[in-house]
C-alpha atoms as a PDB file:
ATOM      1  CA  MET A   1    -112.290-132.885-124.680  1.00  0.00           C
ATOM      2  CA  MET A   2    -109.245-130.840-123.700  1.00  0.00           C
ATOM      3  CA  THR A   3    -107.914-128.226-126.113  1.00  0.00           C
ATOM      4  CA  LEU A   4    -104.310-127.062-125.938  1.00  0.00           C
ATOM      5  CA  SER A   5    -103.012-123.841-127.423  1.00  0.00           C
ATOM      6  CA  LYS A   6    -101.319-124.140-130.808  1.00  0.00           C
ATOM      7  CA  GLU A   7     -99.673-120.727-130.792  1.00  0.00           C
ATOM      8  CA  ASN A   8     -95.978-120.329-131.514  1.00  0.00           C
ATOM      9  CA  PHE A   9     -93.624-118.748-129.016  1.00  0.00           C
ATOM     10  CA  GLU A  10     -90.765-116.443-129.997  1.00  0.00           C
ATOM     11  CA  ILE A  11     -87.464-116.929-128.178  1.00  0.00           C
ATOM     12  CA  LYS A  12     -85.384-113.776-128.605  1.00  0.00           C
ATOM     13  CA  ARG A  13     -83.824-113.045-125.207  1.00  0.00           C
ATOM     14  CA  GLU A  14     -83.177-114.599-121.796  1.00  0.00           C
ATOM     15  CA  PRO A  15     -86.525-113.626-120.179  1.00  0.00           C
ATOM     16  CA  ASP A  16     -88.293-115.592-122.936  1.00  0.00           C
ATOM     17  CA  VAL A  17     -86.708-118.750-121.510  1.00  0.00           C
ATOM     18  CA  ILE A  18     -88.531-118.216-118.226  1.00  0.00           C
ATOM     19  CA  LEU A  19     -91.814-117.479-119.979  1.00  0.00           C
ATOM     20  CA  TYR A  20     -91.545-120.627-122.106  1.00  0.00           C
ATOM     21  CA  ARG A  21     -90.558-122.702-119.083  1.00  0.00           C
ATOM     22  CA  ASN A  22     -93.668-121.477-117.263  1.00  0.00           C
ATOM     23  CA  ARG A  23     -95.801-122.270-120.305  1.00  0.00           C
ATOM     24  CA  ALA A  24     -94.433-125.820-120.391  1.00  0.00           C
ATOM     25  CA  LYS A  25     -95.214-126.181-116.687  1.00  0.00           C
ATOM     26  CA  GLU A  26     -98.808-125.015-117.165  1.00  0.00           C
ATOM     27  CA  LEU A  27     -99.394-127.351-120.107  1.00  0.00           C
ATOM     28  CA  ALA A  28     -97.852-130.327-118.298  1.00  0.00           C
ATOM     29  CA  ALA A  29    -100.134-129.756-115.318  1.00  0.00           C
ATOM     30  CA  LYS A  30    -103.136-129.236-117.604  1.00  0.00           C
ATOM     31  CA  ILE A  31    -102.696-132.635-119.245  1.00  0.00           C
ATOM     32  CA  GLY A  32    -102.246-134.317-115.862  1.00  0.00           C
ATOM     33  CA  MET A  33     -98.561-135.244-115.909  1.00  0.00           C
ATOM     34  CA  SER A  34     -97.031-136.441-112.652  1.00  0.00           C
ATOM     35  CA  LEU A  35     -94.712-134.051-110.819  1.00  0.00           C
ATOM     36  CA  VAL A  36     -91.709-136.088-111.938  1.00  0.00           C
ATOM     37  CA  GLY A  37     -92.940-135.997-115.529  1.00  0.00           C
ATOM     38  CA  GLN A  38     -93.560-132.267-115.282  1.00  0.00           C
ATOM     39  CA  THR A  39     -90.051-131.702-113.973  1.00  0.00           C
ATOM     40  CA  LYS A  40     -88.528-133.697-116.825  1.00  0.00           C
ATOM     41  CA  LEU A  41     -90.578-131.845-119.434  1.00  0.00           C
ATOM     42  CA  ILE A  42     -89.788-128.434-117.942  1.00  0.00           C
ATOM     43  CA  THR A  43     -86.075-129.266-117.828  1.00  0.00           C
ATOM     44  CA  ALA A  44     -86.084-130.379-121.467  1.00  0.00           C
ATOM     45  CA  ALA A  45     -88.032-127.299-122.590  1.00  0.00           C
ATOM     46  CA  SER A  46     -85.671-125.016-120.705  1.00  0.00           C
ATOM     47  CA  GLU A  47     -82.605-126.678-122.234  1.00  0.00           C
ATOM     48  CA  LEU A  48     -84.122-126.437-125.705  1.00  0.00           C
ATOM     49  CA  VAL A  49     -84.801-122.715-125.575  1.00  0.00           C
ATOM     50  CA  ARG A  50     -81.500-121.919-123.849  1.00  0.00           C
ATOM     51  CA  ASN A  51     -79.668-123.751-126.624  1.00  0.00           C
ATOM     52  CA  MET A  52     -81.722-121.861-129.198  1.00  0.00           C
ATOM     53  CA  LEU A  53     -80.492-118.608-127.694  1.00  0.00           C
ATOM     54  CA  ARG A  54     -76.907-119.741-127.314  1.00  0.00           C
ATOM     55  CA  TYR A  55     -76.356-121.441-130.661  1.00  0.00           C
ATOM     56  CA  ALA A  56     -79.011-120.061-133.014  1.00  0.00           C
ATOM     57  CA  GLU A  57     -79.636-116.612-131.518  1.00  0.00           C
ATOM     58  CA  GLY A  58     -83.279-117.468-130.844  1.00  0.00           C
ATOM     59  CA  GLY A  59     -86.147-118.886-132.837  1.00  0.00           C
ATOM     60  CA  THR A  60     -89.756-120.015-132.689  1.00  0.00           C
ATOM     61  CA  VAL A  61     -91.165-122.989-130.802  1.00  0.00           C
ATOM     62  CA  PRO A  62     -94.719-124.325-130.533  1.00  0.00           C
END
């Protein structure tokens, strides 16, 4: 059985976007998503955290 991390991730500044994007990429690969699926997930995750910075001045995501 595969176990995924349940830790939260703080988004406070621009470099956090890159870190979260990389985390999404690692998790997508770990669960066996196709490259196209990984790309879509990474794009969505990146947009989410960028919008958090732009409109909410950061936040916490799982």
